[in-house]
Amino acid sequence: MPRLVAAEEDGASEKWAPLAVKEVVESHDQTLILKGGDLMVRQQVVKAAKLFVLRWGRERGLGDAWWEDKQEYQKAVDELLKIGDQIMSEKFESGAWLTQIWTEYTAKNFTGEQASAIAEHFKTEYGMVQRRLMEWYLGETTLFYYTFTDRWDYRLEETRKQLEALQKEARTRVPNDKLSWKAGEKEAYTFIACSPDSEYCPGVKYWKMLAIPMMGAVFRYMEDITREIKAAMEVRRDLVEPYFLAFERSRASQ
């Protein structure tokens, strides 16, 4: 009989597991990951657009004069960037992809009871602080990923707007209060200071899941979007043809 009761309880728990997982995911502020990712993906797209325009112009015989200081060059780059803007608008900016990844990894790694415990903890005073810390460091990890792989350029003017938007959001989220917990603050302390192998202590396991496998999936998505945009730009040389012609006319009239 006890086994039957336990089985029924487990079944009931898993029935409401999706709701518990949903509550965990929706408790998080995804802004810093999204804004940071938007900035970094767009940087790669801008660099790619410039290389395409430069290469195509040189292949056309425009010579060394075909460079960034020419308005036709800049307009050609802007034309390609519209492709990136469209794809980013459709597949990135809403954050639906991030919510899906977050949901899948949480559901795969935690029972309904564990997810519920995490969600309830994030509603407490210190739980909210810990959640904000997680979000801050996930945002930092996004920036670090591109910086560490030498793909971040602070001087890139075309992404100045995205950089300023990220800085504005980050200033309001700096985790500068209550950064330590005493043993007396039991709930906050045990959430981060217990065995990750304990099913009754999911806090450490949750943080490890966010920081490693989930962020790995986030980076893979960002890389996939970047490749998709580059591929879409590469086949649209026709879009920049008018700017090659305009540049040639400009040189002929001088």
Protein backbone atom coordinates (compact mmCIF):
# COMPACT_ATOMS: atom_id res chain seq x y z
CA MET A 1 0.00 0.00 0.00
CA PRO A 2 2.72 2.52 0.83
CA ARG A 3 4.27 1.80 -2.56
CA LEU A 4 0.96 2.51 -4.26
CA VAL A 5 0.58 5.77 -2.37
CA ALA A 6 4.13 6.78 -3.27
CA ALA A 7 3.50 5.96 -6.91
CA GLU A 8 0.32 8.02 -6.91
CA GLU A 9 2.14 10.94 -5.31
CA ASP A 10 4.93 10.71 -7.89
CA GLY A 11 2.38 10.64 -10.68
CA ALA A 12 0.57 13.67 -9.28
CA SER A 13 3.88 15.50 -8.96
CA GLU A 14 4.78 14.91 -12.58
CA LYS A 15 1.34 16.01 -13.77
CA TRP A 16 1.98 19.50 -12.46
CA ALA A 17 5.71 19.42 -13.29
CA PRO A 18 5.25 21.47 -16.50
CA LEU A 19 3.51 24.21 -14.50
CA ALA A 20 6.32 24.22 -11.93
CA VAL A 21 8.96 24.39 -14.67
CA LYS A 22 7.05 27.19 -16.37
CA GLU A 23 6.97 29.12 -13.11
CA VAL A 24 10.74 28.74 -12.67
CA VAL A 25 11.49 29.92 -16.21
CA GLU A 26 9.08 32.84 -16.07
CA SER A 27 10.56 34.02 -12.78
CA HIS A 28 13.80 34.90 -14.56
CA ASP A 29 14.64 38.20 -16.22
CA GLN A 30 16.23 37.27 -19.55
CA THR A 31 17.14 40.83 -20.52
CA LEU A 32 20.92 40.69 -20.06
CA ILE A 33 21.30 37.45 -22.01
CA LEU A 34 19.11 38.75 -24.84
CA LYS A 35 20.66 42.21 -25.02
CA GLY A 36 24.17 40.81 -24.74
CA GLY A 37 23.45 38.16 -27.36
CA ASP A 38 21.86 40.71 -29.67
CA LEU A 39 24.95 42.90 -29.45
CA MET A 40 27.39 40.06 -30.05
CA VAL A 41 25.50 38.42 -32.91
CA ARG A 42 25.08 41.76 -34.66
CA GLN A 43 28.79 42.44 -34.33
CA GLN A 44 29.57 39.24 -36.22
CA VAL A 45 26.95 40.14 -38.83
CA VAL A 46 28.34 43.65 -39.37
CA LYS A 47 31.87 42.31 -39.80
CA ALA A 48 30.64 39.70 -42.29
CA ALA A 49 28.66 42.28 -44.31
CA LYS A 50 31.73 44.50 -44.57
CA LEU A 51 33.87 41.61 -45.75
CA PHE A 52 31.32 40.60 -48.39
CA VAL A 53 31.03 44.14 -49.72
CA LEU A 54 34.80 44.60 -49.75
CA ARG A 55 35.48 41.26 -51.44
CA TRP A 56 32.79 41.69 -54.08
CA GLY A 57 33.99 45.21 -54.87
CA ARG A 58 37.59 44.11 -55.26
CA GLU A 59 36.48 41.18 -57.44
CA ARG A 60 34.67 43.72 -59.61
CA GLY A 61 37.87 45.67 -60.03
CA LEU A 62 37.01 48.69 -57.92
CA GLY A 63 40.49 48.66 -56.41
CA ASP A 64 41.77 50.12 -53.16
CA ALA A 65 39.48 53.14 -53.48
CA TRP A 66 36.54 50.87 -52.61
CA TRP A 67 36.67 51.28 -48.84
CA GLU A 68 34.64 52.27 -45.78
CA ASP A 69 35.14 55.99 -46.31
CA LYS A 70 32.99 55.88 -49.46
CA GLN A 71 29.25 56.43 -49.06
CA GLU A 72 28.46 53.79 -51.69
CA TYR A 73 30.39 51.25 -49.64
CA GLN A 74 28.47 52.13 -46.48
CA LYS A 75 25.14 51.98 -48.29
CA ALA A 76 26.02 48.56 -49.67
CA VAL A 77 26.81 47.32 -46.16
CA ASP A 78 23.55 48.79 -44.85
CA GLU A 79 21.65 46.94 -47.57
CA LEU A 80 23.06 43.60 -46.45
CA LEU A 81 22.43 44.41 -42.80
CA LYS A 82 18.72 44.68 -43.53
CA ILE A 83 18.79 40.91 -44.08
CA GLY A 84 20.26 40.43 -40.63
CA ASP A 85 17.75 42.80 -39.09
CA GLN A 86 14.88 40.79 -40.54
CA ILE A 87 16.17 37.44 -39.30
CA MET A 88 17.00 38.84 -35.86
CA SER A 89 13.50 40.28 -35.63
CA GLU A 90 11.90 36.96 -36.56
CA LYS A 91 14.11 34.53 -34.66
CA PHE A 92 15.94 36.29 -31.85
CA GLU A 93 14.57 39.50 -30.38
CA SER A 94 11.39 38.09 -28.83
CA GLY A 95 13.39 35.67 -26.69
CA ALA A 96 11.01 32.79 -27.44
CA TRP A 97 13.99 30.63 -28.40
CA LEU A 98 15.64 31.32 -25.01
CA THR A 99 12.46 30.49 -23.11
CA GLN A 100 12.24 27.21 -25.04
CA ILE A 101 15.85 26.26 -24.23
CA TRP A 102 15.43 27.23 -20.57
CA THR A 103 12.23 25.20 -20.32
CA GLU A 104 13.69 22.11 -21.98
CA TYR A 105 16.78 22.02 -19.77
CA THR A 106 14.85 22.65 -16.57
CA ALA A 107 12.26 20.00 -17.38
CA LYS A 108 14.95 17.48 -18.31
CA ASN A 109 16.94 17.95 -15.10
CA PHE A 110 14.33 18.48 -12.38
CA THR A 111 11.22 16.77 -11.07
CA GLY A 112 8.02 18.71 -10.54
CA GLU A 113 8.69 18.81 -6.81
CA GLN A 114 12.21 20.17 -7.31
CA ALA A 115 11.08 22.77 -9.81
CA SER A 116 8.33 23.86 -7.44
CA ALA A 117 10.88 24.22 -4.62
CA ILE A 118 13.08 26.42 -6.83
CA ALA A 119 10.16 28.56 -7.93
CA GLU A 120 8.97 29.07 -4.35
CA HIS A 121 12.49 29.93 -3.18
CA PHE A 122 12.78 32.63 -5.84
CA LYS A 123 9.71 34.30 -4.34
CA THR A 124 11.45 34.81 -0.97
CA GLU A 125 13.44 37.92 -0.11
CA TYR A 126 16.86 36.30 -0.41
CA GLY A 127 15.75 33.98 -3.17
CA MET A 128 15.02 36.99 -5.36
CA VAL A 129 18.53 38.32 -4.69
CA GLN A 130 20.05 34.95 -5.61
CA ARG A 131 17.97 34.79 -8.77
CA ARG A 132 19.16 38.27 -9.78
CA LEU A 133 22.76 37.18 -9.20
CA MET A 134 22.25 34.22 -11.50
CA GLU A 135 20.81 36.44 -14.21
CA TRP A 136 23.68 38.92 -13.89
CA TYR A 137 26.36 36.26 -14.25
CA LEU A 138 24.58 34.59 -17.15
CA GLY A 139 24.61 37.96 -18.91
CA GLU A 140 28.31 38.33 -18.10
CA THR A 141 28.95 34.83 -19.44
CA THR A 142 27.34 35.81 -22.73
CA LEU A 143 29.75 38.70 -23.14
CA PHE A 144 32.71 36.65 -21.95
CA TYR A 145 32.05 33.94 -24.53
CA TYR A 146 32.57 36.36 -27.41
CA THR A 147 35.36 38.30 -25.70
CA PHE A 148 37.30 35.12 -24.90
CA THR A 149 37.04 33.99 -28.52
CA ASP A 150 38.32 37.41 -29.67
CA ARG A 151 35.17 38.46 -31.49
CA TRP A 152 34.13 41.51 -29.46
CA ASP A 153 35.00 44.97 -30.83
CA TYR A 154 34.12 47.88 -28.56
CA ARG A 155 34.83 50.37 -31.34
CA LEU A 156 32.39 48.97 -33.89
CA GLU A 157 30.19 51.98 -34.55
CA GLU A 158 27.40 50.03 -36.27
CA THR A 159 26.53 48.30 -32.98
CA ARG A 160 26.80 51.38 -30.77
CA LYS A 161 23.03 51.45 -30.30
CA GLN A 162 22.96 47.84 -29.06
CA LEU A 163 25.90 48.48 -26.73
CA GLU A 164 24.22 51.51 -25.17
CA ALA A 165 20.96 49.57 -24.77
CA LEU A 166 22.82 46.80 -22.95
CA GLN A 167 24.64 49.28 -20.70
CA LYS A 168 21.36 50.97 -19.82
CA GLU A 169 19.74 47.69 -18.82
CA ALA A 170 22.82 46.50 -16.93
CA ARG A 171 23.00 49.65 -14.77
CA THR A 172 19.59 48.90 -13.28
CA ARG A 173 20.51 45.28 -12.53
CA VAL A 174 23.92 45.50 -10.86
CA PRO A 175 23.69 43.05 -7.91
CA ASN A 176 25.22 45.33 -5.29
CA ASP A 177 23.15 44.41 -2.24
CA LYS A 178 22.94 41.45 0.13
CA LEU A 179 25.72 39.50 -1.55
CA SER A 180 26.44 37.22 1.41
CA TRP A 181 24.28 35.01 3.56
CA LYS A 182 24.74 33.92 7.12
CA ALA A 183 24.02 30.43 8.35
CA GLY A 184 21.09 31.88 10.26
CA GLU A 185 19.40 32.80 7.00
CA LYS A 186 18.68 29.15 6.48
CA GLU A 187 16.77 29.11 3.22
CA ALA A 188 19.18 31.31 1.31
CA TYR A 189 22.21 29.59 2.78
CA THR A 190 21.12 26.03 2.14
CA PHE A 191 20.02 26.86 -1.41
CA ILE A 192 23.67 27.39 -2.38
CA ALA A 193 25.55 25.49 0.34
CA CYS A 194 24.38 21.89 0.12
CA SER A 195 25.19 18.77 -1.80
CA PRO A 196 24.23 18.99 -5.50
CA ASP A 197 23.50 15.26 -5.31
CA SER A 198 20.66 15.73 -2.83
CA GLU A 199 17.22 15.68 -4.40
CA TYR A 200 16.01 17.88 -1.55
CA CYS A 201 18.58 20.56 -2.33
CA PRO A 202 18.23 21.50 -6.02
CA GLY A 203 19.79 24.98 -5.81
CA VAL A 204 23.39 24.06 -6.62
CA LYS A 205 22.31 21.63 -9.31
CA TYR A 206 20.10 24.31 -10.86
CA TRP A 207 22.89 26.87 -10.96
CA LYS A 208 25.29 24.36 -12.53
CA MET A 209 22.66 23.47 -15.10
CA LEU A 210 22.19 27.13 -16.06
CA ALA A 211 25.88 27.96 -16.21
CA ILE A 212 27.13 25.00 -18.24
CA PRO A 213 24.76 22.90 -20.38
CA MET A 214 22.01 25.49 -20.79
CA MET A 215 24.38 28.32 -21.69
CA GLY A 216 26.08 25.92 -24.09
CA ALA A 217 22.76 25.54 -25.88
CA VAL A 218 22.28 29.33 -25.84
CA PHE A 219 25.65 29.87 -27.50
CA ARG A 220 24.92 27.21 -30.11
CA TYR A 221 21.69 28.98 -31.01
CA MET A 222 23.50 32.31 -31.33
CA GLU A 223 26.13 30.72 -33.56
CA ASP A 224 23.40 29.11 -35.69
CA ILE A 225 21.63 32.44 -36.16
CA THR A 226 24.91 34.10 -37.10
CA ARG A 227 25.63 31.43 -39.71
CA GLU A 228 22.08 31.68 -41.08
CA ILE A 229 22.39 35.45 -41.53
CA LYS A 230 25.82 35.19 -43.16
CA ALA A 231 24.53 32.56 -45.58
CA ALA A 232 21.50 34.70 -46.43
CA MET A 233 23.72 37.73 -47.12
CA GLU A 234 26.23 35.83 -49.19
CA VAL A 235 23.68 34.88 -51.85
CA ARG A 236 22.35 38.44 -52.25
CA ARG A 237 25.19 40.13 -54.08
CA ASP A 238 22.52 41.52 -56.40
CA LEU A 239 21.36 43.84 -53.62
CA VAL A 240 24.63 45.75 -53.61
CA GLU A 241 25.07 45.90 -57.39
CA PRO A 242 23.48 49.39 -57.61
CA TYR A 243 26.12 50.73 -55.22
CA PHE A 244 28.93 49.30 -57.33
CA LEU A 245 27.45 51.07 -60.34
CA ALA A 246 27.05 54.33 -58.43
CA PHE A 247 30.66 54.18 -57.29
CA GLU A 248 31.87 53.55 -60.84
CA ARG A 249 29.85 56.51 -62.16
CA SER A 250 31.22 58.69 -59.38
CA ARG A 251 34.79 57.82 -60.28
CA ALA A 252 34.19 58.30 -64.01
CA SER A 253 32.84 61.82 -63.47
CA GLN A 254 35.87 62.96 -61.47
